[in-house]
């Protein structure tokens, strides 16, 4: 199934790791931005962000959804804080 976000939305595959030790860190203790890879962009997204870019984004802004058994995040372009080069 193909995914094409509308307007200035981007779809991100999160690169954040889930702890494997069985110890869960409360969300309130982790205030750092998240990191992920852009996998799709809308038609109105600026040239600063491209598919394949690794980006930092605001932790609590994306909406999470599942597509083809893969958990993805969708957010506005303005929620992307930086592109990692």
C-alpha atoms as a PDB file:
ATOM      1  CA  UNK A   1       0.000   0.000   0.000  1.00  0.00           C
ATOM      2  CA  UNK A   2       1.340   3.444  -0.897  1.00  0.00           C
ATOM      3  CA  UNK A   3       1.091   6.449   1.363  1.00  0.00           C
ATOM      4  CA  UNK A   4       1.005  10.085   0.222  1.00  0.00           C
ATOM      5  CA  UNK A   5       0.475  12.664   2.988  1.00  0.00           C
ATOM      6  CA  UNK A   6      -1.514  15.793   2.181  1.00  0.00           C
ATOM      7  CA  UNK A   7      -0.371  19.442   2.184  1.00  0.00           C
ATOM      8  CA  UNK A   8       2.542  20.091   4.581  1.00  0.00           C
ATOM      9  CA  UNK A   9       2.449  16.759   6.440  1.00  0.00           C
ATOM     10  CA  UNK A  10       5.378  14.345   6.706  1.00  0.00           C
ATOM     11  CA  UNK A  11       5.432  10.643   7.595  1.00  0.00           C
ATOM     12  CA  UNK A  12       8.276   9.456   9.815  1.00  0.00           C
ATOM     13  CA  UNK A  13       9.555   6.042  10.827  1.00  0.00           C
ATOM     14  CA  UNK A  14      10.772   6.443  14.398  1.00  0.00           C
ATOM     15  CA  UNK A  15      14.368   5.524  15.216  1.00  0.00           C
ATOM     16  CA  UNK A  16      13.748   5.599  18.970  1.00  0.00           C
ATOM     17  CA  UNK A  17      14.592   2.388  20.716  1.00  0.00           C
ATOM     18  CA  UNK A  18      12.347   0.523  23.114  1.00  0.00           C
ATOM     19  CA  UNK A  19      14.206  -0.707  26.207  1.00  0.00           C
ATOM     20  CA  UNK A  20      14.852  -4.454  26.131  1.00  0.00           C
ATOM     21  CA  UNK A  21      15.879  -4.810  29.781  1.00  0.00           C
ATOM     22  CA  UNK A  22      12.293  -4.810  31.030  1.00  0.00           C
ATOM     23  CA  UNK A  23      12.762  -1.462  32.759  1.00  0.00           C
ATOM     24  CA  UNK A  24      10.409   1.160  31.386  1.00  0.00           C
ATOM     25  CA  UNK A  25      11.358   4.810  31.675  1.00  0.00           C
ATOM     26  CA  UNK A  26       8.316   7.004  32.339  1.00  0.00           C
ATOM     27  CA  UNK A  27       7.455   9.323  29.460  1.00  0.00           C
ATOM     28  CA  UNK A  28       7.682  12.332  31.787  1.00  0.00           C
ATOM     29  CA  UNK A  29      11.334  11.520  32.465  1.00  0.00           C
ATOM     30  CA  UNK A  30      12.225  11.649  28.769  1.00  0.00           C
ATOM     31  CA  UNK A  31      11.829  15.215  27.519  1.00  0.00           C
ATOM     32  CA  UNK A  32      14.301  14.967  24.624  1.00  0.00           C
ATOM     33  CA  UNK A  33      13.226  15.285  20.989  1.00  0.00           C
ATOM     34  CA  UNK A  34      12.720  12.079  19.022  1.00  0.00           C
ATOM     35  CA  UNK A  35      14.654  10.996  15.929  1.00  0.00           C
ATOM     36  CA  UNK A  36      13.286   9.357  12.792  1.00  0.00           C
ATOM     37  CA  UNK A  37      13.563   8.906   9.039  1.00  0.00           C
ATOM     38  CA  UNK A  38      11.247  10.727   6.627  1.00  0.00           C
ATOM     39  CA  UNK A  39       9.469   8.152   4.459  1.00  0.00           C
ATOM     40  CA  UNK A  40       6.861  10.355   2.721  1.00  0.00           C
ATOM     41  CA  UNK A  41       6.149  14.073   2.317  1.00  0.00           C
ATOM     42  CA  UNK A  42       3.166  16.147   1.227  1.00  0.00           C
ATOM     43  CA  UNK A  43       3.112  18.396  -1.836  1.00  0.00           C
ATOM     44  CA  UNK A  44       3.494  21.600   0.187  1.00  0.00           C
ATOM     45  CA  UNK A  45       6.585  20.548   2.189  1.00  0.00           C
ATOM     46  CA  UNK A  46       9.584  22.845   1.619  1.00  0.00           C
ATOM     47  CA  UNK A  47      12.755  21.743  -0.152  1.00  0.00           C
ATOM     48  CA  UNK A  48      14.553  21.581   3.209  1.00  0.00           C
ATOM     49  CA  UNK A  49      13.058  18.157   3.958  1.00  0.00           C
ATOM     50  CA  UNK A  50      13.359  15.149   1.621  1.00  0.00           C
ATOM     51  CA  UNK A  51      12.406  11.488   1.784  1.00  0.00           C
ATOM     52  CA  UNK A  52      15.274   9.628   3.453  1.00  0.00           C
ATOM     53  CA  UNK A  53      16.343  12.506   5.712  1.00  0.00           C
ATOM     54  CA  UNK A  54      16.987  11.702   9.363  1.00  0.00           C
ATOM     55  CA  UNK A  55      15.272  14.353  11.462  1.00  0.00           C
ATOM     56  CA  UNK A  56      14.626  15.454  15.027  1.00  0.00           C
ATOM     57  CA  UNK A  57      11.013  16.200  15.874  1.00  0.00           C
ATOM     58  CA  UNK A  58       8.935  17.320  18.813  1.00  0.00           C
ATOM     59  CA  UNK A  59       8.179  14.363  21.048  1.00  0.00           C
ATOM     60  CA  UNK A  60       4.472  14.799  21.741  1.00  0.00           C
ATOM     61  CA  UNK A  61       3.184  16.198  18.436  1.00  0.00           C
ATOM     62  CA  UNK A  62       3.031  13.272  15.985  1.00  0.00           C
ATOM     63  CA  UNK A  63       0.003  11.063  15.498  1.00  0.00           C
ATOM     64  CA  UNK A  64       0.857   7.367  15.495  1.00  0.00           C
ATOM     65  CA  UNK A  65      -0.719   4.905  13.066  1.00  0.00           C
ATOM     66  CA  UNK A  66      -0.093   1.413  11.703  1.00  0.00           C
ATOM     67  CA  UNK A  67       0.302   0.699   7.991  1.00  0.00           C
ATOM     68  CA  UNK A  68       1.171  -2.781   6.735  1.00  0.00           C
ATOM     69  CA  UNK A  69       2.068  -3.859  10.299  1.00  0.00           C
ATOM     70  CA  UNK A  70       4.556  -0.984  10.622  1.00  0.00           C
ATOM     71  CA  UNK A  71       4.068   1.757  13.203  1.00  0.00           C
ATOM     72  CA  UNK A  72       4.539   5.190  11.626  1.00  0.00           C
ATOM     73  CA  UNK A  73       4.181   8.811  12.742  1.00  0.00           C
ATOM     74  CA  UNK A  74       2.542  11.668  10.873  1.00  0.00           C
ATOM     75  CA  UNK A  75       3.106  15.323  11.727  1.00  0.00           C
ATOM     76  CA  UNK A  76       3.247  18.815  10.278  1.00  0.00           C
ATOM     77  CA  UNK A  77       6.479  19.944   8.676  1.00  0.00           C
ATOM     78  CA  UNK A  78       6.739  22.649  11.362  1.00  0.00           C
ATOM     79  CA  UNK A  79       7.072  19.932  14.031  1.00  0.00           C
ATOM     80  CA  UNK A  80      10.407  18.873  12.518  1.00  0.00           C
ATOM     81  CA  UNK A  81      13.112  20.611  14.541  1.00  0.00           C
ATOM     82  CA  UNK A  82      16.222  19.744  12.497  1.00  0.00           C
ATOM     83  CA  UNK A  83      17.604  17.614   9.685  1.00  0.00           C
ATOM     84  CA  UNK A  84      20.642  15.551  10.688  1.00  0.00           C
ATOM     85  CA  UNK A  85      23.340  15.529   8.014  1.00  0.00           C
END
